[in-house]
All heavy atoms as atom14 arrays in JSON, in Angstrom:
{
  "sequence": "HVHFTALGYDAPGSSVERAHLLADVIDNLAMDSTYYQKRALTFPLRA",
  "atom14_mask": [
    [1, 1, 1, 1, 1, 1, 1, 1, 1, 1, 0, 0, 0, 0],
    [1, 1, 1, 1, 1, 1, 1, 0, 0, 0, 0, 0, 0, 0],
    [1, 1, 1, 1, 1, 1, 1, 1, 1, 1, 0, 0, 0, 0],
    [1, 1, 1, 1, 1, 1, 1, 1, 1, 1, 1, 0, 0, 0],
    [1, 1, 1, 1, 1, 1, 1, 0, 0, 0, 0, 0, 0, 0],
    [1, 1, 1, 1, 1, 0, 0, 0, 0, 0, 0, 0, 0, 0],
    [1, 1, 1, 1, 1, 1, 1, 1, 0, 0, 0, 0, 0, 0],
    [1, 1, 1, 1, 0, 0, 0, 0, 0, 0, 0, 0, 0, 0],
    [1, 1, 1, 1, 1, 1, 1, 1, 1, 1, 1, 1, 0, 0],
    [1, 1, 1, 1, 1, 1, 1, 1, 0, 0, 0, 0, 0, 0],
    [1, 1, 1, 1, 1, 0, 0, 0, 0, 0, 0, 0, 0, 0],
    [1, 1, 1, 1, 1, 1, 1, 0, 0, 0, 0, 0, 0, 0],
    [1, 1, 1, 1, 0, 0, 0, 0, 0, 0, 0, 0, 0, 0],
    [1, 1, 1, 1, 1, 1, 0, 0, 0, 0, 0, 0, 0, 0],
    [1, 1, 1, 1, 1, 1, 0, 0, 0, 0, 0, 0, 0, 0],
    [1, 1, 1, 1, 1, 1, 1, 0, 0, 0, 0, 0, 0, 0],
    [1, 1, 1, 1, 1, 1, 1, 1, 1, 0, 0, 0, 0, 0],
    [1, 1, 1, 1, 1, 1, 1, 1, 1, 1, 1, 0, 0, 0],
    [1, 1, 1, 1, 1, 0, 0, 0, 0, 0, 0, 0, 0, 0],
    [1, 1, 1, 1, 1, 1, 1, 1, 1, 1, 0, 0, 0, 0],
    [1, 1, 1, 1, 1, 1, 1, 1, 0, 0, 0, 0, 0, 0],
    [1, 1, 1, 1, 1, 1, 1, 1, 0, 0, 0, 0, 0, 0],
    [1, 1, 1, 1, 1, 0, 0, 0, 0, 0, 0, 0, 0, 0],
    [1, 1, 1, 1, 1, 1, 1, 1, 0, 0, 0, 0, 0, 0],
    [1, 1, 1, 1, 1, 1, 1, 0, 0, 0, 0, 0, 0, 0],
    [1, 1, 1, 1, 1, 1, 1, 1, 0, 0, 0, 0, 0, 0],
    [1, 1, 1, 1, 1, 1, 1, 1, 0, 0, 0, 0, 0, 0],
    [1, 1, 1, 1, 1, 1, 1, 1, 0, 0, 0, 0, 0, 0],
    [1, 1, 1, 1, 1, 1, 1, 1, 0, 0, 0, 0, 0, 0],
    [1, 1, 1, 1, 1, 0, 0, 0, 0, 0, 0, 0, 0, 0],
    [1, 1, 1, 1, 1, 1, 1, 1, 0, 0, 0, 0, 0, 0],
    [1, 1, 1, 1, 1, 1, 1, 1, 0, 0, 0, 0, 0, 0],
    [1, 1, 1, 1, 1, 1, 0, 0, 0, 0, 0, 0, 0, 0],
    [1, 1, 1, 1, 1, 1, 1, 0, 0, 0, 0, 0, 0, 0],
    [1, 1, 1, 1, 1, 1, 1, 1, 1, 1, 1, 1, 0, 0],
    [1, 1, 1, 1, 1, 1, 1, 1, 1, 1, 1, 1, 0, 0],
    [1, 1, 1, 1, 1, 1, 1, 1, 1, 0, 0, 0, 0, 0],
    [1, 1, 1, 1, 1, 1, 1, 1, 1, 0, 0, 0, 0, 0],
    [1, 1, 1, 1, 1, 1, 1, 1, 1, 1, 1, 0, 0, 0],
    [1, 1, 1, 1, 1, 0, 0, 0, 0, 0, 0, 0, 0, 0],
    [1, 1, 1, 1, 1, 1, 1, 1, 0, 0, 0, 0, 0, 0],
    [1, 1, 1, 1, 1, 1, 1, 0, 0, 0, 0, 0, 0, 0],
    [1, 1, 1, 1, 1, 1, 1, 1, 1, 1, 1, 0, 0, 0],
    [1, 1, 1, 1, 1, 1, 1, 0, 0, 0, 0, 0, 0, 0],
    [1, 1, 1, 1, 1, 1, 1, 1, 0, 0, 0, 0, 0, 0],
    [1, 1, 1, 1, 1, 1, 1, 1, 1, 1, 1, 0, 0, 0],
    [1, 1, 1, 1, 1, 0, 0, 0, 0, 0, 0, 0, 0, 0]
  ],
  "atom14_positions": [
    [[-10.44, -2.96, -2.33], [-10.35, -2.58, -3.73], [-8.89, -2.28, -4.05], [-8.11, -1.9, -3.17], [-11.27, -1.37, -4.02], [-10.99, -0.15, -3.2], [-11.35, -0.07, -1.86], [-10.37, 1.0, -3.5], [-10.97, 1.11, -1.38], [-10.35, 1.78, -2.36], [0.0, 0.0, 0.0], [0.0, 0.0, 0.0], [0.0, 0.0, 0.0], [0.0, 0.0, 0.0]],
    [[-8.53, -2.46, -5.31], [-7.18, -2.25, -5.78], [-7.2, -1.2, -6.89], [-8.02, -1.26, -7.81], [-6.56, -3.56, -6.27], [-5.15, -3.35, -6.82], [-6.57, -4.62, -5.17], [0.0, 0.0, 0.0], [0.0, 0.0, 0.0], [0.0, 0.0, 0.0], [0.0, 0.0, 0.0], [0.0, 0.0, 0.0], [0.0, 0.0, 0.0], [0.0, 0.0, 0.0]],
    [[-6.27, -0.25, -6.81], [-6.16, 0.83, -7.79], [-5.17, 0.44, -8.89], [-4.1, -0.07, -8.58], [-5.65, 2.1, -7.12], [-6.51, 2.59, -6.02], [-7.38, 3.64, -6.15], [-6.67, 2.15, -4.73], [-8.02, 3.83, -5.01], [-7.6, 2.92, -4.15], [0.0, 0.0, 0.0], [0.0, 0.0, 0.0], [0.0, 0.0, 0.0], [0.0, 0.0, 0.0]],
    [[-5.53, 0.7, -10.12], [-4.66, 0.52, -11.29], [-4.55, 1.89, -11.93], [-5.55, 2.4, -12.46], [-5.28, -0.46, -12.29], [-5.27, -1.91, -11.88], [-6.18, -2.36, -10.91], [-4.4, -2.79, -12.44], [-6.21, -3.69, -10.54], [-4.4, -4.15, -12.06], [-5.32, -4.58, -11.12], [0.0, 0.0, 0.0], [0.0, 0.0, 0.0], [0.0, 0.0, 0.0]],
    [[-3.36, 2.48, -11.95], [-3.19, 3.77, -12.59], [-1.98, 3.73, -13.54], [-1.1, 2.88, -13.4], [-2.94, 4.88, -11.54], [-1.73, 4.64, -10.83], [-4.11, 5.0, -10.59], [0.0, 0.0, 0.0], [0.0, 0.0, 0.0], [0.0, 0.0, 0.0], [0.0, 0.0, 0.0], [0.0, 0.0, 0.0], [0.0, 0.0, 0.0], [0.0, 0.0, 0.0]],
    [[-1.99, 4.65, -14.5], [-0.88, 4.79, -15.42], [0.33, 5.18, -14.56], [0.26, 6.02, -13.65], [-1.14, 5.85, -16.45], [0.0, 0.0, 0.0], [0.0, 0.0, 0.0], [0.0, 0.0, 0.0], [0.0, 0.0, 0.0], [0.0, 0.0, 0.0], [0.0, 0.0, 0.0], [0.0, 0.0, 0.0], [0.0, 0.0, 0.0], [0.0, 0.0, 0.0]],
    [[1.47, 4.58, -14.87], [2.68, 4.81, -14.08], [3.09, 6.26, -14.03], [3.52, 6.77, -13.0], [3.83, 3.95, -14.69], [5.06, 3.75, -13.82], [4.7, 3.16, -12.46], [6.02, 2.82, -14.55], [0.0, 0.0, 0.0], [0.0, 0.0, 0.0], [0.0, 0.0, 0.0], [0.0, 0.0, 0.0], [0.0, 0.0, 0.0], [0.0, 0.0, 0.0]],
    [[2.89, 7.0, -15.1], [3.27, 8.42, -15.17], [2.24, 9.36, -14.53], [2.52, 10.55, -14.39], [0.0, 0.0, 0.0], [0.0, 0.0, 0.0], [0.0, 0.0, 0.0], [0.0, 0.0, 0.0], [0.0, 0.0, 0.0], [0.0, 0.0, 0.0], [0.0, 0.0, 0.0], [0.0, 0.0, 0.0], [0.0, 0.0, 0.0], [0.0, 0.0, 0.0]],
    [[1.11, 8.82, -14.12], [0.03, 9.67, -13.56], [0.19, 9.8, -12.05], [0.29, 8.82, -11.35], [-1.32, 9.07, -13.92], [-2.52, 9.78, -13.34], [-2.63, 11.17, -13.4], [-3.52, 9.06, -12.73], [-3.72, 11.82, -12.84], [-4.65, 9.71, -12.18], [-4.73, 11.08, -12.24], [-5.8, 11.73, -11.7], [0.0, 0.0, 0.0], [0.0, 0.0, 0.0]],
    [[0.26, 11.02, -11.56], [0.39, 11.24, -10.13], [-1.02, 11.27, -9.53], [-1.53, 12.31, -9.22], [1.11, 12.58, -9.89], [1.44, 12.81, -8.43], [1.44, 11.84, -7.66], [1.68, 13.99, -8.06], [0.0, 0.0, 0.0], [0.0, 0.0, 0.0], [0.0, 0.0, 0.0], [0.0, 0.0, 0.0], [0.0, 0.0, 0.0], [0.0, 0.0, 0.0]],
    [[-1.58, 10.11, -9.39], [-2.97, 9.97, -8.9], [-3.05, 10.36, -7.42], [-2.12, 10.12, -6.66], [-3.47, 8.56, -9.1], [0.0, 0.0, 0.0], [0.0, 0.0, 0.0], [0.0, 0.0, 0.0], [0.0, 0.0, 0.0], [0.0, 0.0, 0.0], [0.0, 0.0, 0.0], [0.0, 0.0, 0.0], [0.0, 0.0, 0.0], [0.0, 0.0, 0.0]],
    [[-4.2, 10.9, -7.01], [-4.38, 11.21, -5.58], [-4.2, 9.91, -4.75], [-4.74, 8.89, -5.1], [-5.82, 11.7, -5.5], [-6.17, 12.11, -6.88], [-5.36, 11.26, -7.81], [0.0, 0.0, 0.0], [0.0, 0.0, 0.0], [0.0, 0.0, 0.0], [0.0, 0.0, 0.0], [0.0, 0.0, 0.0], [0.0, 0.0, 0.0], [0.0, 0.0, 0.0]],
    [[-3.41, 9.99, -3.71], [-3.22, 8.85, -2.82], [-2.23, 7.8, -3.35], [-2.15, 6.73, -2.78], [0.0, 0.0, 0.0], [0.0, 0.0, 0.0], [0.0, 0.0, 0.0], [0.0, 0.0, 0.0], [0.0, 0.0, 0.0], [0.0, 0.0, 0.0], [0.0, 0.0, 0.0], [0.0, 0.0, 0.0], [0.0, 0.0, 0.0], [0.0, 0.0, 0.0]],
    [[-1.48, 8.13, -4.41], [-0.53, 7.13, -4.94], [0.85, 7.31, -4.33], [1.75, 6.54, -4.65], [-0.46, 7.27, -6.46], [0.09, 8.5, -6.85], [0.0, 0.0, 0.0], [0.0, 0.0, 0.0], [0.0, 0.0, 0.0], [0.0, 0.0, 0.0], [0.0, 0.0, 0.0], [0.0, 0.0, 0.0], [0.0, 0.0, 0.0], [0.0, 0.0, 0.0]],
    [[0.98, 8.23, -3.36], [2.29, 8.45, -2.76], [2.58, 7.36, -1.74], [1.68, 6.64, -1.25], [2.35, 9.83, -2.11], [1.36, 9.9, -1.09], [0.0, 0.0, 0.0], [0.0, 0.0, 0.0], [0.0, 0.0, 0.0], [0.0, 0.0, 0.0], [0.0, 0.0, 0.0], [0.0, 0.0, 0.0], [0.0, 0.0, 0.0], [0.0, 0.0, 0.0]],
    [[3.83, 7.29, -1.31], [4.3, 6.23, -0.42], [3.58, 6.22, 0.92], [3.48, 5.18, 1.53], [5.82, 6.31, -0.29], [6.22, 7.51, 0.55], [6.37, 5.06, 0.28], [0.0, 0.0, 0.0], [0.0, 0.0, 0.0], [0.0, 0.0, 0.0], [0.0, 0.0, 0.0], [0.0, 0.0, 0.0], [0.0, 0.0, 0.0], [0.0, 0.0, 0.0]],
    [[3.1, 7.34, 1.39], [2.44, 7.37, 2.72], [1.14, 6.59, 2.74], [0.68, 6.16, 3.8], [2.15, 8.82, 3.16], [3.34, 9.7, 3.31], [3.66, 10.39, 1.98], [2.79, 10.5, 1.12], [4.8, 10.83, 1.87], [0.0, 0.0, 0.0], [0.0, 0.0, 0.0], [0.0, 0.0, 0.0], [0.0, 0.0, 0.0], [0.0, 0.0, 0.0]],
    [[0.52, 6.43, 1.64], [-0.83, 5.83, 1.59], [-0.91, 4.59, 0.69], [-1.75, 3.73, 0.92], [-1.82, 6.88, 1.11], [-3.22, 6.43, 1.32], [-4.18, 7.62, 1.38], [-5.54, 7.07, 1.46], [-6.57, 7.56, 0.8], [-6.43, 8.55, -0.05], [-7.76, 6.99, 0.95], [0.0, 0.0, 0.0], [0.0, 0.0, 0.0], [0.0, 0.0, 0.0]],
    [[-0.09, 4.5, -0.32], [-0.21, 3.43, -1.29], [0.72, 2.27, -0.96], [1.87, 2.47, -0.65], [0.15, 3.98, -2.71], [0.0, 0.0, 0.0], [0.0, 0.0, 0.0], [0.0, 0.0, 0.0], [0.0, 0.0, 0.0], [0.0, 0.0, 0.0], [0.0, 0.0, 0.0], [0.0, 0.0, 0.0], [0.0, 0.0, 0.0], [0.0, 0.0, 0.0]],
    [[0.19, 1.08, -1.04], [0.93, -0.16, -0.83], [0.84, -0.96, -2.1], [-0.26, -1.39, -2.49], [0.38, -0.93, 0.39], [0.48, -0.17, 1.65], [1.52, -0.35, 2.53], [-0.3, 0.83, 2.17], [1.38, 0.51, 3.55], [0.28, 1.22, 3.35], [0.0, 0.0, 0.0], [0.0, 0.0, 0.0], [0.0, 0.0, 0.0], [0.0, 0.0, 0.0]],
    [[1.97, -1.17, -2.76], [1.96, -1.88, -4.05], [1.47, -3.3, -3.85], [1.89, -3.99, -2.94], [3.36, -1.88, -4.65], [3.97, -0.52, -5.02], [5.4, -0.67, -5.51], [3.08, 0.19, -6.07], [0.0, 0.0, 0.0], [0.0, 0.0, 0.0], [0.0, 0.0, 0.0], [0.0, 0.0, 0.0], [0.0, 0.0, 0.0], [0.0, 0.0, 0.0]],
    [[0.56, -3.72, -4.77], [-0.02, -5.02, -4.64], [1.01, -6.13, -4.72], [0.95, -7.11, -3.98], [-1.09, -5.23, -5.74], [-1.84, -6.55, -5.72], [-2.46, -6.86, -4.35], [-2.86, -6.6, -6.84], [0.0, 0.0, 0.0], [0.0, 0.0, 0.0], [0.0, 0.0, 0.0], [0.0, 0.0, 0.0], [0.0, 0.0, 0.0], [0.0, 0.0, 0.0]],
    [[2.02, -6.0, -5.56], [3.1, -7.0, -5.64], [3.79, -7.15, -4.32], [4.13, -8.24, -3.89], [4.08, -6.67, -6.77], [0.0, 0.0, 0.0], [0.0, 0.0, 0.0], [0.0, 0.0, 0.0], [0.0, 0.0, 0.0], [0.0, 0.0, 0.0], [0.0, 0.0, 0.0], [0.0, 0.0, 0.0], [0.0, 0.0, 0.0], [0.0, 0.0, 0.0]],
    [[4.04, -6.04, -3.62], [4.69, -6.05, -2.27], [3.77, -6.71, -1.27], [4.21, -7.46, -0.41], [5.04, -4.66, -1.84], [6.19, -4.04, -2.65], [6.89, -4.77, -3.38], [6.37, -2.81, -2.53], [0.0, 0.0, 0.0], [0.0, 0.0, 0.0], [0.0, 0.0, 0.0], [0.0, 0.0, 0.0], [0.0, 0.0, 0.0], [0.0, 0.0, 0.0]],
    [[2.48, -6.41, -1.31], [1.49, -6.99, -0.4], [1.51, -8.53, -0.56], [1.56, -9.26, 0.44], [0.11, -6.41, -0.63], [-0.97, -7.18, 0.14], [0.06, -4.94, -0.25], [0.0, 0.0, 0.0], [0.0, 0.0, 0.0], [0.0, 0.0, 0.0], [0.0, 0.0, 0.0], [0.0, 0.0, 0.0], [0.0, 0.0, 0.0], [0.0, 0.0, 0.0]],
    [[1.49, -8.97, -1.79], [1.54, -10.42, -2.09], [2.81, -11.02, -1.5], [2.75, -12.07, -0.82], [1.4, -10.68, -3.59], [-0.03, -10.32, -4.06], [1.78, -12.11, -3.95], [-0.21, -10.31, -5.57], [0.0, 0.0, 0.0], [0.0, 0.0, 0.0], [0.0, 0.0, 0.0], [0.0, 0.0, 0.0], [0.0, 0.0, 0.0], [0.0, 0.0, 0.0]],
    [[3.96, -10.41, -1.77], [5.23, -10.93, -1.26], [5.25, -10.97, 0.27], [5.7, -11.92, 0.91], [6.4, -10.07, -1.74], [6.77, -10.34, -3.18], [6.27, -11.34, -3.75], [7.52, -9.53, -3.73], [0.0, 0.0, 0.0], [0.0, 0.0, 0.0], [0.0, 0.0, 0.0], [0.0, 0.0, 0.0], [0.0, 0.0, 0.0], [0.0, 0.0, 0.0]],
    [[4.73, -9.87, 0.92], [4.73, -9.85, 2.38], [3.86, -10.94, 2.97], [4.23, -11.58, 3.97], [4.25, -8.46, 2.86], [5.28, -7.39, 2.57], [6.45, -7.61, 2.45], [4.76, -6.14, 2.45], [0.0, 0.0, 0.0], [0.0, 0.0, 0.0], [0.0, 0.0, 0.0], [0.0, 0.0, 0.0], [0.0, 0.0, 0.0], [0.0, 0.0, 0.0]],
    [[2.7, -11.16, 2.4], [1.79, -12.23, 2.9], [2.32, -13.62, 2.63], [2.12, -14.53, 3.4], [0.39, -12.05, 2.28], [-0.36, -10.83, 2.75], [-1.64, -10.68, 1.94], [-0.68, -10.91, 4.23], [0.0, 0.0, 0.0], [0.0, 0.0, 0.0], [0.0, 0.0, 0.0], [0.0, 0.0, 0.0], [0.0, 0.0, 0.0], [0.0, 0.0, 0.0]],
    [[3.07, -13.76, 1.52], [3.69, -15.07, 1.23], [4.77, -15.37, 2.28], [4.97, -16.58, 2.6], [4.25, -15.09, -0.16], [0.0, 0.0, 0.0], [0.0, 0.0, 0.0], [0.0, 0.0, 0.0], [0.0, 0.0, 0.0], [0.0, 0.0, 0.0], [0.0, 0.0, 0.0], [0.0, 0.0, 0.0], [0.0, 0.0, 0.0], [0.0, 0.0, 0.0]],
    [[5.44, -14.38, 2.78], [6.47, -14.58, 3.79], [5.9, -14.78, 5.18], [6.42, -15.52, 6.02], [7.46, -13.42, 3.81], [8.42, -13.39, 2.66], [9.64, -12.08, 2.8], [8.67, -10.62, 2.7], [0.0, 0.0, 0.0], [0.0, 0.0, 0.0], [0.0, 0.0, 0.0], [0.0, 0.0, 0.0], [0.0, 0.0, 0.0], [0.0, 0.0, 0.0]],
    [[4.8, -14.03, 5.47], [4.2, -14.04, 6.81], [2.68, -13.83, 6.66], [2.28, -12.74, 6.32], [4.83, -12.94, 7.66], [4.26, -12.86, 9.07], [3.27, -13.57, 9.38], [4.82, -12.12, 9.85], [0.0, 0.0, 0.0], [0.0, 0.0, 0.0], [0.0, 0.0, 0.0], [0.0, 0.0, 0.0], [0.0, 0.0, 0.0], [0.0, 0.0, 0.0]],
    [[1.93, -14.84, 6.93], [0.47, -14.8, 6.72], [-0.21, -13.68, 7.48], [-1.24, -13.15, 7.02], [-0.14, -16.16, 7.13], [-1.53, -16.1, 6.94], [0.0, 0.0, 0.0], [0.0, 0.0, 0.0], [0.0, 0.0, 0.0], [0.0, 0.0, 0.0], [0.0, 0.0, 0.0], [0.0, 0.0, 0.0], [0.0, 0.0, 0.0], [0.0, 0.0, 0.0]],
    [[0.3, -13.3, 8.62], [-0.35, -12.26, 9.44], [0.42, -10.94, 9.4], [0.31, -10.13, 10.34], [-0.51, -12.75, 10.89], [0.77, -13.09, 11.43], [-1.43, -13.94, 10.95], [0.0, 0.0, 0.0], [0.0, 0.0, 0.0], [0.0, 0.0, 0.0], [0.0, 0.0, 0.0], [0.0, 0.0, 0.0], [0.0, 0.0, 0.0], [0.0, 0.0, 0.0]],
    [[1.21, -10.71, 8.37], [2.04, -9.54, 8.24], [1.27, -8.26, 8.52], [1.72, -7.38, 9.27], [2.63, -9.51, 6.82], [3.58, -8.35, 6.56], [4.93, -8.45, 6.89], [3.13, -7.15, 6.03], [5.81, -7.39, 6.65], [3.98, -6.09, 5.8], [5.32, -6.21, 6.12], [6.15, -5.16, 5.89], [0.0, 0.0, 0.0], [0.0, 0.0, 0.0]],
    [[0.08, -8.11, 7.93], [-0.65, -6.84, 8.05], [-1.45, -6.72, 9.32], [-1.96, -5.62, 9.64], [-1.5, -6.57, 6.78], [-0.58, -6.28, 5.62], [-0.29, -7.26, 4.66], [0.01, -5.05, 5.53], [0.58, -6.97, 3.62], [0.88, -4.75, 4.49], [1.16, -5.73, 3.54], [2.04, -5.42, 2.53], [0.0, 0.0, 0.0], [0.0, 0.0, 0.0]],
    [[-1.56, -7.8, 10.09], [-2.15, -7.68, 11.42], [-1.11, -7.16, 12.42], [-1.44, -6.54, 13.41], [-2.7, -9.02, 11.9], [-4.04, -9.4, 11.31], [-3.91, -9.94, 9.92], [-3.14, -10.84, 9.66], [-4.72, -9.4, 8.99], [0.0, 0.0, 0.0], [0.0, 0.0, 0.0], [0.0, 0.0, 0.0], [0.0, 0.0, 0.0], [0.0, 0.0, 0.0]],
    [[0.18, -7.43, 12.13], [1.26, -7.1, 13.04], [2.0, -5.84, 12.69], [2.59, -5.18, 13.57], [2.29, -8.26, 13.08], [1.71, -9.56, 13.58], [2.72, -10.66, 13.67], [3.13, -11.22, 12.35], [3.91, -12.46, 12.45], [0.0, 0.0, 0.0], [0.0, 0.0, 0.0], [0.0, 0.0, 0.0], [0.0, 0.0, 0.0], [0.0, 0.0, 0.0]],
    [[2.06, -5.47, 11.47], [2.87, -4.38, 10.95], [2.33, -3.03, 11.34], [1.13, -2.76, 11.24], [2.92, -4.51, 9.43], [3.57, -3.37, 8.67], [5.07, -3.61, 8.57], [5.75, -2.82, 7.59], [5.89, -1.53, 7.5], [5.27, -0.76, 8.34], [6.64, -0.97, 6.59], [0.0, 0.0, 0.0], [0.0, 0.0, 0.0], [0.0, 0.0, 0.0]],
    [[3.18, -2.14, 11.78], [2.8, -0.75, 12.01], [2.7, -0.08, 10.64], [3.59, -0.2, 9.83], [3.84, -0.05, 12.85], [0.0, 0.0, 0.0], [0.0, 0.0, 0.0], [0.0, 0.0, 0.0], [0.0, 0.0, 0.0], [0.0, 0.0, 0.0], [0.0, 0.0, 0.0], [0.0, 0.0, 0.0], [0.0, 0.0, 0.0], [0.0, 0.0, 0.0]],
    [[1.58, 0.55, 10.37], [1.37, 1.2, 9.08], [1.12, 2.69, 9.3], [0.21, 3.08, 10.04], [0.15, 0.59, 8.38], [0.26, -0.88, 8.0], [-1.08, -1.4, 7.53], [1.31, -1.09, 6.91], [0.0, 0.0, 0.0], [0.0, 0.0, 0.0], [0.0, 0.0, 0.0], [0.0, 0.0, 0.0], [0.0, 0.0, 0.0], [0.0, 0.0, 0.0]],
    [[1.96, 3.51, 8.69], [1.76, 4.95, 8.78], [0.81, 5.38, 7.67], [0.72, 4.72, 6.64], [3.1, 5.72, 8.63], [3.67, 5.35, 7.39], [4.04, 5.36, 9.77], [0.0, 0.0, 0.0], [0.0, 0.0, 0.0], [0.0, 0.0, 0.0], [0.0, 0.0, 0.0], [0.0, 0.0, 0.0], [0.0, 0.0, 0.0], [0.0, 0.0, 0.0]],
    [[0.1, 6.45, 7.93], [-0.81, 6.98, 6.92], [-1.1, 8.45, 7.19], [-1.06, 8.86, 8.38], [-2.14, 6.18, 6.88], [-2.84, 6.03, 8.18], [-3.78, 6.97, 8.57], [-2.55, 5.0, 9.0], [-4.43, 6.88, 9.8], [-3.21, 4.85, 10.21], [-4.15, 5.79, 10.63], [0.0, 0.0, 0.0], [0.0, 0.0, 0.0], [0.0, 0.0, 0.0]],
    [[-1.36, 9.23, 6.18], [-1.62, 10.66, 6.38], [-3.08, 10.87, 6.73], [-3.97, 10.11, 6.34], [-1.31, 11.26, 4.99], [-1.63, 10.17, 4.04], [-1.28, 8.91, 4.75], [0.0, 0.0, 0.0], [0.0, 0.0, 0.0], [0.0, 0.0, 0.0], [0.0, 0.0, 0.0], [0.0, 0.0, 0.0], [0.0, 0.0, 0.0], [0.0, 0.0, 0.0]],
    [[-3.33, 11.92, 7.52], [-4.7, 12.35, 7.86], [-4.78, 13.85, 7.67], [-3.88, 14.58, 8.05], [-5.01, 12.0, 9.31], [-5.29, 10.52, 9.62], [-5.42, 10.35, 11.13], [-6.53, 10.03, 8.92], [0.0, 0.0, 0.0], [0.0, 0.0, 0.0], [0.0, 0.0, 0.0], [0.0, 0.0, 0.0], [0.0, 0.0, 0.0], [0.0, 0.0, 0.0]],
    [[-5.92, 14.3, 7.16], [-6.17, 15.74, 7.08], [-6.65, 16.22, 8.46], [-7.26, 15.47, 9.2], [-7.24, 16.05, 6.01], [-6.75, 15.79, 4.56], [-7.8, 16.28, 3.57], [-9.15, 15.91, 3.9], [-9.76, 14.78, 3.53], [-9.15, 13.87, 2.82], [-11.03, 14.54, 3.87], [0.0, 0.0, 0.0], [0.0, 0.0, 0.0], [0.0, 0.0, 0.0]],
    [[-6.42, 17.46, 8.74], [-6.77, 18.01, 10.06], [-8.28, 17.98, 10.31], [-8.75, 17.96, 11.44], [-6.25, 19.45, 10.18], [0.0, 0.0, 0.0], [0.0, 0.0, 0.0], [0.0, 0.0, 0.0], [0.0, 0.0, 0.0], [0.0, 0.0, 0.0], [0.0, 0.0, 0.0], [0.0, 0.0, 0.0], [0.0, 0.0, 0.0], [0.0, 0.0, 0.0]]
  ]
}
C-alpha cells in the first residue's frame, strides 16, 4: 500500500526512518531491479 498525505501534515510514520518516497522507489528499481532485495533498510521499532 502507498500513503498519500498533505505535504504540510506530519503524518505518523512519514519521517525518514520509516517512509520511502514512491518516486525514489521507482528510480531505484529502474536503476537496479533487485535494489530492495539487496539494500540494507533501517527502521524504528518500539520496545
